[in-house]
Amino acid sequence: MEAVKKHLKNTFTSYELGLLRYLYLCIAYDVSKFLILLVFFSCFHLGREFCMEILFLISLRNFFGGMHFNRYVSCFAFTFAFSSAGIALSHLVELNSQFQISLLVVIILISIVIKPVTSSKRPPLTVRQERIYHCCGMFVLFVYFALFLTIQTFPYRNLCFWVIVLQTMQLIAARLMKGEQKS
C-alpha cells in the first residue's frame, strides 16, 4: 500500500491527487445513492422516470454544480427530496408549452449570470475551468431549449422541464449560500 501511495505522490501533483480523491468519493457516494433510490422508485413503478430524471440532472449538474453537503445522510436526504419533487411535479403540474418555453428563457438568462457552484471539498476551479464548465452547461441548456422548441411529443418533456427548474433553483440557493459563507 505504501508503494502505491509513493507512486501516486510521485506521479501526480497535490491538486491532481485532490481531484482523484474527490472523484473516487463522488463515484462511490453517487452510485450508492442511485442504486438505493432506483430500488425505491422502482417499487412504485417509477424506476424509468427516475433514470430519465438522473440523466437530465447529470447533464446539467456536472457543469453548473449545485448544493453540496458535508455528510452522506444529508446529501442522500436532499437527493431523495429533489428526485421526489421532480417526479411529483412532472405528474401533478403540466404547464402549457408557451409558458414552459418562456420560463426556460428566464432560466437561460439566470444561468448566464450564475457561475458554477462546486463543493468546498473539491479543489477550486481555475478561472479557465470555470468558464469551460459554464459554457458546457449553457450548451446543454440550449440543446434542451431547442428540443422544447421543436419536439412537442417527447414523453419525458415535463419531467425534463421540472428538473431544469429545480436544478436552477438549487443553483441559485447554492450560490447564495456560498456567497454567505465567503462573507
Protein backbone atom coordinates (compact mmCIF):
# COMPACT_ATOMS: atom_id res chain seq x y z
CA MET A 1 0.00 0.00 0.00
CA GLU A 2 2.86 2.37 0.81
CA ALA A 3 4.34 1.71 -2.64
CA VAL A 4 1.05 2.75 -4.26
CA LYS A 5 0.91 5.94 -2.16
CA LYS A 6 4.50 6.76 -3.06
CA HIS A 7 3.84 6.13 -6.75
CA LEU A 8 0.76 8.37 -6.69
CA LYS A 9 2.64 11.16 -4.89
CA ASN A 10 5.48 10.95 -7.42
CA THR A 11 3.15 10.80 -10.43
CA PHE A 12 0.50 13.41 -9.60
CA THR A 13 0.52 16.93 -8.22
CA SER A 14 -1.28 17.60 -4.94
CA TYR A 15 -4.06 19.28 -6.94
CA GLU A 16 -4.45 16.18 -9.15
CA LEU A 17 -4.42 13.90 -6.09
CA GLY A 18 -7.16 16.05 -4.58
CA LEU A 19 -9.20 15.68 -7.76
CA LEU A 20 -8.67 11.91 -7.81
CA ARG A 21 -9.78 11.57 -4.18
CA TYR A 22 -12.81 13.78 -4.82
CA LEU A 23 -13.68 11.76 -7.95
CA TYR A 24 -13.42 8.45 -6.10
CA LEU A 25 -15.68 9.64 -3.28
CA CYS A 26 -18.20 11.16 -5.72
CA ILE A 27 -18.45 7.94 -7.69
CA ALA A 28 -18.82 5.76 -4.59
CA TYR A 29 -21.44 8.01 -2.99
CA ASP A 30 -23.38 8.70 -6.17
CA VAL A 31 -23.54 5.06 -7.23
CA SER A 32 -24.82 4.03 -3.81
CA LYS A 33 -27.43 6.82 -3.77
CA PHE A 34 -28.52 5.94 -7.30
CA LEU A 35 -28.96 2.25 -6.53
CA ILE A 36 -30.89 2.84 -3.31
CA LEU A 37 -33.18 5.41 -4.95
CA LEU A 38 -33.64 3.26 -8.06
CA VAL A 39 -34.89 0.40 -5.88
CA PHE A 40 -37.18 2.80 -4.00
CA PHE A 41 -38.71 4.38 -7.11
CA SER A 42 -38.95 1.01 -8.87
CA CYS A 43 -41.14 -0.21 -6.01
CA PHE A 44 -43.62 2.48 -7.12
CA HIS A 45 -43.15 1.71 -10.84
CA LEU A 46 -41.23 4.96 -11.31
CA GLY A 47 -37.78 3.49 -11.96
CA ARG A 48 -37.70 4.53 -15.62
CA GLU A 49 -38.73 8.09 -14.75
CA PHE A 50 -36.10 8.22 -12.04
CA CYS A 51 -33.42 7.11 -14.52
CA MET A 52 -34.52 9.76 -17.03
CA GLU A 53 -34.55 12.39 -14.28
CA ILE A 54 -31.00 11.46 -13.30
CA LEU A 55 -29.85 11.70 -16.93
CA PHE A 56 -31.31 15.21 -17.25
CA LEU A 57 -29.88 16.22 -13.89
CA ILE A 58 -26.39 14.86 -14.51
CA SER A 59 -26.18 16.67 -17.84
CA LEU A 60 -26.74 19.98 -16.04
CA ARG A 61 -25.29 19.44 -12.57
CA ASN A 62 -21.92 18.21 -13.85
CA PHE A 63 -21.34 21.62 -15.42
CA PHE A 64 -23.28 24.02 -13.18
CA GLY A 65 -22.84 22.29 -9.82
CA GLY A 66 -25.31 22.90 -7.05
CA MET A 67 -25.81 22.33 -3.36
CA HIS A 68 -23.28 20.16 -1.56
CA PHE A 69 -23.45 18.62 1.87
CA ASN A 70 -20.79 17.54 4.34
CA ARG A 71 -22.48 14.28 5.32
CA TYR A 72 -23.69 11.41 3.20
CA VAL A 73 -27.02 11.25 5.06
CA SER A 74 -27.88 14.89 4.39
CA CYS A 75 -26.78 14.54 0.77
CA PHE A 76 -28.93 11.43 0.39
CA ALA A 77 -31.93 13.16 2.01
CA PHE A 78 -31.58 16.14 -0.33
CA THR A 79 -31.22 13.87 -3.37
CA PHE A 80 -34.30 11.92 -2.31
CA ALA A 81 -36.31 15.12 -1.83
CA PHE A 82 -35.07 16.59 -5.12
CA SER A 83 -35.84 13.41 -7.07
CA SER A 84 -39.24 13.00 -5.46
CA ALA A 85 -40.12 16.63 -6.16
CA GLY A 86 -39.12 16.37 -9.81
CA ILE A 87 -41.16 13.23 -10.41
CA ALA A 88 -44.13 14.51 -8.41
CA LEU A 89 -44.18 17.87 -10.19
CA SER A 90 -43.95 16.18 -13.57
CA HIS A 91 -47.09 14.18 -12.71
CA LEU A 92 -49.03 16.92 -10.95
CA VAL A 93 -48.19 20.17 -12.74
CA GLU A 94 -48.16 20.37 -16.50
CA LEU A 95 -47.75 23.89 -17.80
CA ASN A 96 -48.59 24.77 -21.38
CA SER A 97 -45.77 24.73 -23.91
CA GLN A 98 -45.55 28.51 -24.31
CA PHE A 99 -45.22 29.04 -20.55
CA GLN A 100 -42.55 26.33 -20.32
CA ILE A 101 -40.57 27.94 -23.14
CA SER A 102 -40.92 31.39 -21.56
CA LEU A 103 -39.70 30.07 -18.23
CA LEU A 104 -36.79 28.31 -19.94
CA VAL A 105 -35.75 31.65 -21.46
CA VAL A 106 -35.71 33.16 -17.96
CA ILE A 107 -33.70 30.16 -16.71
CA ILE A 108 -31.19 30.59 -19.53
CA LEU A 109 -30.80 34.28 -18.63
CA ILE A 110 -30.30 33.39 -14.96
CA SER A 111 -27.81 30.66 -15.91
CA ILE A 112 -25.78 33.11 -17.99
CA VAL A 113 -25.15 35.14 -14.84
CA ILE A 114 -24.59 32.34 -12.31
CA LYS A 115 -21.20 30.68 -12.30
CA PRO A 116 -20.73 27.01 -11.45
CA VAL A 117 -21.01 26.18 -7.74
CA THR A 118 -18.57 23.47 -6.69
CA SER A 119 -18.19 21.60 -3.45
CA SER A 120 -15.84 23.04 -0.83
CA LYS A 121 -14.27 19.55 -0.68
CA ARG A 122 -13.29 19.75 -4.33
CA PRO A 123 -10.18 21.65 -5.29
CA PRO A 124 -11.39 25.03 -6.61
CA LEU A 125 -11.79 25.54 -10.33
CA THR A 126 -9.42 27.86 -12.14
CA VAL A 127 -10.98 30.80 -13.95
CA ARG A 128 -10.45 28.97 -17.24
CA GLN A 129 -12.05 25.76 -15.93
CA GLU A 130 -14.97 27.75 -14.55
CA ARG A 131 -15.51 29.35 -17.96
CA ILE A 132 -15.33 25.97 -19.73
CA TYR A 133 -17.81 24.34 -17.32
CA HIS A 134 -20.16 27.29 -17.64
CA CYS A 135 -20.03 27.21 -21.46
CA CYS A 136 -20.69 23.44 -21.48
CA GLY A 137 -23.64 23.87 -19.12
CA MET A 138 -25.06 26.64 -21.29
CA PHE A 139 -24.67 24.41 -24.34
CA VAL A 140 -26.68 21.66 -22.62
CA LEU A 141 -29.38 24.18 -21.68
CA PHE A 142 -29.57 25.41 -25.27
CA VAL A 143 -29.88 21.82 -26.53
CA TYR A 144 -32.81 21.26 -24.16
CA PHE A 145 -34.30 24.59 -25.21
CA ALA A 146 -34.03 23.58 -28.89
CA LEU A 147 -35.74 20.27 -28.09
CA PHE A 148 -38.54 22.13 -26.31
CA LEU A 149 -38.99 24.36 -29.37
CA THR A 150 -39.03 21.54 -31.89
CA ILE A 151 -40.34 18.34 -30.25
CA GLN A 152 -43.76 18.60 -28.67
CA THR A 153 -44.29 14.85 -28.17
CA PHE A 154 -41.21 13.93 -26.14
CA PRO A 155 -42.64 11.63 -23.42
CA TYR A 156 -40.36 12.98 -20.69
CA ARG A 157 -40.74 16.63 -21.65
CA ASN A 158 -42.50 17.66 -18.44
CA LEU A 159 -40.00 15.75 -16.30
CA CYS A 160 -37.10 17.41 -18.12
CA PHE A 161 -38.72 20.80 -17.63
CA TRP A 162 -39.13 20.33 -13.87
CA VAL A 163 -35.59 19.00 -13.47
CA ILE A 164 -34.28 22.15 -15.19
CA VAL A 165 -36.44 24.38 -12.97
CA LEU A 166 -35.44 22.58 -9.76
CA GLN A 167 -31.76 22.48 -10.73
CA THR A 168 -31.81 26.23 -11.40
CA MET A 169 -33.49 26.89 -8.04
CA GLN A 170 -30.88 24.67 -6.39
CA LEU A 171 -28.10 26.52 -8.19
CA ILE A 172 -29.42 29.90 -7.03
CA ALA A 173 -29.69 28.64 -3.44
CA ALA A 174 -26.19 27.16 -3.60
CA ARG A 175 -24.76 30.41 -4.97
CA LEU A 176 -26.47 32.41 -2.23
CA MET A 177 -25.24 30.02 0.47
CA LYS A 178 -21.70 30.02 -0.89
CA GLY A 179 -21.75 33.82 -1.04
CA GLU A 180 -22.82 34.00 2.62
CA GLN A 181 -20.01 31.62 3.61
CA LYS A 182 -17.41 33.89 1.99
CA SER A 183 -18.62 36.90 3.99
